[in-house]
N, C-alpha and C. Protein backbone atom coordinates (compact mmCIF):
# COMPACT_ATOMS: atom_id res chain seq x y z
N UNK A 1 116.79 112.65 98.16
CA UNK A 1 115.29 112.20 98.06
C UNK A 1 114.94 111.27 98.87
N UNK A 2 114.08 110.97 100.29
CA UNK A 2 114.16 110.01 100.94
C UNK A 2 112.83 109.63 100.83
N UNK A 3 112.41 108.64 100.27
CA UNK A 3 110.74 108.67 100.22
C UNK A 3 110.35 107.07 100.72
N UNK A 4 108.89 107.04 101.54
CA UNK A 4 108.44 106.16 102.27
C UNK A 4 110.09 105.71 103.78
N UNK A 5 110.37 106.78 104.49
CA UNK A 5 110.99 106.30 105.30
C UNK A 5 110.79 107.06 106.54
N UNK A 6 109.30 107.00 107.37
CA UNK A 6 108.60 107.54 108.08
C UNK A 6 109.10 108.03 108.49
N UNK A 7 109.73 108.12 110.07
CA UNK A 7 110.37 108.98 111.20
C UNK A 7 111.80 108.83 110.79
N UNK A 8 112.18 108.02 109.88
CA UNK A 8 114.01 108.16 109.84
C UNK A 8 114.49 108.56 108.73
N UNK A 9 113.79 109.89 108.18
CA UNK A 9 114.63 110.13 106.96
C UNK A 9 116.40 110.38 107.04
N UNK A 10 116.66 110.32 105.79
CA UNK A 10 118.15 110.29 105.57
C UNK A 10 118.49 111.61 105.66
N UNK A 11 119.34 112.32 106.50
CA UNK A 11 119.84 113.89 107.11
C UNK A 11 120.34 114.65 106.02
N UNK A 12 120.66 113.40 105.07
CA UNK A 12 121.48 114.44 103.67
C UNK A 12 120.02 114.65 102.53
N UNK A 13 118.88 113.88 102.78
CA UNK A 13 118.04 114.33 101.78
C UNK A 13 117.48 115.70 101.63
N UNK A 14 117.26 116.03 100.59
CA UNK A 14 116.36 117.25 100.75
C UNK A 14 115.07 117.26 100.12
N UNK A 15 114.86 116.62 100.04
CA UNK A 15 112.65 116.45 99.66
C UNK A 15 112.91 115.10 100.45
N UNK A 16 112.07 114.97 101.57
CA UNK A 16 111.36 113.68 102.22
C UNK A 16 109.57 113.19 101.42
N UNK A 17 109.32 111.99 101.79
CA UNK A 17 108.19 111.90 100.97
C UNK A 17 107.70 110.21 102.07
N UNK A 18 106.31 110.70 102.28
CA UNK A 18 105.69 109.05 102.33
C UNK A 18 104.26 109.46 102.42
N UNK A 19 103.34 108.27 102.39
CA UNK A 19 102.35 108.13 102.16
C UNK A 19 101.68 109.25 104.04
N UNK A 20 102.08 108.37 104.40
CA UNK A 20 101.47 109.13 105.86
C UNK A 20 102.00 110.68 106.28
N UNK A 21 101.38 111.80 106.28
CA UNK A 21 101.28 113.03 106.33
C UNK A 21 102.16 113.19 108.04
N UNK A 22 103.68 113.54 107.25
CA UNK A 22 104.61 113.83 108.14
C UNK A 22 105.04 114.73 109.16
N UNK A 23 104.36 116.26 108.10
CA UNK A 23 104.59 117.56 108.10
C UNK A 23 105.18 118.17 109.32
N UNK A 24 104.16 117.55 110.40
CA UNK A 24 104.98 118.33 111.20
C UNK A 24 105.75 117.78 112.31
N UNK A 25 105.94 116.52 111.78
CA UNK A 25 107.27 115.62 112.64
C UNK A 25 108.87 116.06 111.32
N UNK A 26 108.25 116.48 110.51
CA UNK A 26 109.29 117.04 109.80
C UNK A 26 109.32 119.02 109.31
N UNK A 27 109.34 119.28 110.35
CA UNK A 27 108.52 120.74 110.64
C UNK A 27 110.06 121.31 110.12
N UNK A 28 109.25 121.92 109.13
CA UNK A 28 110.97 123.10 108.68
C UNK A 28 111.85 122.16 107.10
N UNK A 29 111.59 121.05 107.18
CA UNK A 29 111.67 120.37 106.06
C UNK A 29 110.61 120.64 104.67
N UNK A 30 111.61 119.79 103.35
CA UNK A 30 110.62 120.25 102.80
C UNK A 30 110.10 118.80 102.50
N UNK A 31 108.61 118.78 102.68
CA UNK A 31 108.46 117.75 102.69
C UNK A 31 107.09 116.71 102.31
N UNK A 32 106.81 115.67 101.49
CA UNK A 32 105.75 115.55 100.26
C UNK A 32 105.06 114.77 100.76
N UNK A 33 103.62 114.90 101.05
CA UNK A 33 102.76 113.68 101.77
C UNK A 33 102.58 112.75 100.08
N UNK A 34 102.66 111.96 99.73
CA UNK A 34 102.48 110.61 99.08
C UNK A 34 100.49 110.17 98.59
N UNK A 35 100.15 110.90 97.67
CA UNK A 35 98.56 109.80 97.83
C UNK A 35 98.41 109.56 96.60
N UNK A 36 98.88 109.81 95.25
CA UNK A 36 98.60 109.03 94.60
C UNK A 36 99.79 107.81 93.86
N UNK A 37 99.21 107.05 93.40
CA UNK A 37 100.34 105.78 92.78
C UNK A 37 101.83 106.38 91.86
N UNK A 38 100.90 107.34 90.81
CA UNK A 38 102.04 108.13 90.42
C UNK A 38 102.62 108.83 91.53
N UNK A 39 104.20 109.22 91.27
CA UNK A 39 105.01 110.22 92.58
C UNK A 39 104.24 111.64 91.66
N UNK A 40 104.24 112.49 92.65
CA UNK A 40 103.80 113.84 92.38
C UNK A 40 105.37 114.45 91.72
N UNK A 41 106.02 113.64 90.74
CA UNK A 41 107.95 114.65 91.04
C UNK A 41 108.03 114.97 89.31
N UNK A 42 109.10 115.88 88.54
CA UNK A 42 109.44 115.58 87.40
C UNK A 42 109.99 114.41 87.26
N UNK A 43 110.33 114.76 85.60
CA UNK A 43 110.98 113.31 85.50
C UNK A 43 112.29 114.01 85.57
N UNK A 44 113.16 113.13 86.41
CA UNK A 44 114.79 113.74 86.43
C UNK A 44 115.11 114.87 87.62
N UNK A 45 113.99 115.01 88.43
CA UNK A 45 114.08 116.04 89.49
C UNK A 45 115.08 115.61 90.54
N UNK A 46 115.25 114.37 90.68
CA UNK A 46 116.37 114.17 91.74
C UNK A 46 117.66 113.99 91.08
N UNK A 47 118.75 114.00 91.31
CA UNK A 47 119.74 113.30 91.40
C UNK A 47 120.01 111.45 92.17
N UNK A 48 119.21 111.24 92.96
CA UNK A 48 119.73 110.46 93.76
C UNK A 48 117.87 109.93 94.61
N UNK A 49 117.50 108.90 94.50
CA UNK A 49 116.70 108.44 95.28
C UNK A 49 116.70 107.41 96.43
N UNK A 50 116.69 107.39 98.27
CA UNK A 50 116.69 106.76 98.87
C UNK A 50 115.67 106.32 98.92
N UNK A 51 114.95 104.54 99.25
CA UNK A 51 114.28 104.01 99.44
C UNK A 51 114.07 102.32 100.04
N UNK A 52 114.08 102.81 101.67
CA UNK A 52 114.30 102.53 102.30
C UNK A 52 113.69 101.67 102.97
N UNK A 53 113.50 99.87 102.86
CA UNK A 53 112.85 99.35 104.06
C UNK A 53 111.31 99.14 102.76
N UNK A 54 111.31 100.07 101.80
CA UNK A 54 110.10 100.11 101.32
C UNK A 54 109.37 99.64 100.29
N UNK A 55 109.75 98.51 99.46
CA UNK A 55 109.26 97.77 98.31
C UNK A 55 108.69 96.67 98.75
N UNK A 56 108.74 96.27 100.11
CA UNK A 56 107.47 95.60 100.40
C UNK A 56 106.83 95.91 101.06
N UNK A 57 105.96 97.15 101.33
CA UNK A 57 104.65 97.96 101.67
C UNK A 57 104.02 97.95 100.91
N UNK A 58 104.65 98.46 99.24
CA UNK A 58 104.10 98.85 97.76
C UNK A 58 103.75 97.40 97.47
N UNK A 59 102.37 97.81 96.79
CA UNK A 59 101.74 97.05 95.86
C UNK A 59 102.05 96.41 95.08
N UNK A 60 101.86 97.69 93.67
CA UNK A 60 102.69 97.33 92.31
C UNK A 60 104.08 97.60 92.51
N UNK A 61 105.52 97.01 92.93
CA UNK A 61 106.63 96.87 93.18
C UNK A 61 106.98 97.29 91.92
N UNK A 62 106.75 96.96 90.20
CA UNK A 62 107.15 97.20 89.07
C UNK A 62 107.15 98.37 88.94
N UNK A 63 105.85 98.97 89.13
CA UNK A 63 105.55 100.25 88.85
C UNK A 63 106.54 101.31 89.29
N UNK A 64 106.18 100.70 91.21
CA UNK A 64 106.96 101.97 91.56
C UNK A 64 109.01 102.24 91.75
N UNK A 65 109.22 100.68 91.12
CA UNK A 65 110.87 100.84 90.37
C UNK A 65 110.16 101.64 89.46
N UNK A 66 109.75 101.80 87.74
CA UNK A 66 110.03 102.43 87.08
C UNK A 66 109.60 103.86 87.10
N UNK A 67 108.88 104.03 88.86
CA UNK A 67 108.57 105.51 89.08
C UNK A 67 110.19 105.98 89.77
N UNK A 68 110.86 104.88 90.15
CA UNK A 68 111.60 105.65 90.89
C UNK A 68 112.76 105.97 89.67
N UNK A 69 113.17 105.51 88.69
CA UNK A 69 113.93 105.18 87.54
C UNK A 69 113.42 106.82 86.52
N UNK A 70 111.54 107.18 86.87
CA UNK A 70 111.51 107.82 85.86
C UNK A 70 111.69 109.56 86.77
N UNK A 71 111.97 109.55 88.15
CA UNK A 71 112.07 111.06 89.27
C UNK A 71 113.68 110.77 88.91
N UNK A 72 114.68 110.33 89.13
CA UNK A 72 116.19 109.81 88.92
C UNK A 72 116.44 110.11 88.29
N UNK A 73 118.18 111.20 88.02
CA UNK A 73 119.14 111.28 87.31
C UNK A 73 120.38 110.36 87.08
N UNK A 74 120.51 109.89 88.41
CA UNK A 74 121.93 108.90 88.03
C UNK A 74 121.42 107.88 89.25
N UNK A 75 120.40 107.85 89.85
CA UNK A 75 120.21 106.72 90.45
C UNK A 75 119.35 106.49 91.79
N UNK A 76 119.08 105.29 92.17
CA UNK A 76 118.61 105.08 93.44
C UNK A 76 118.84 104.20 94.58
N UNK A 77 117.97 104.05 95.85
CA UNK A 77 118.69 102.62 96.22
C UNK A 77 117.61 102.12 97.55
């Protein structure tokens, strides 16, 4: 999964998520618009999560890190 990627999602990401609605840009991809503080994913739903250049835009970064830990089974970067 790639979260907060804007227009440059990792080509290997099976799910792409952002606070911007980029569904038309990622047409044909599994795109999720983030609208709540809690990420809309199940516990350990993803093997690995990429959140590149995102933390500086997050108001509550400690909560965000905990959410990344919650939704990944193997790790995040």
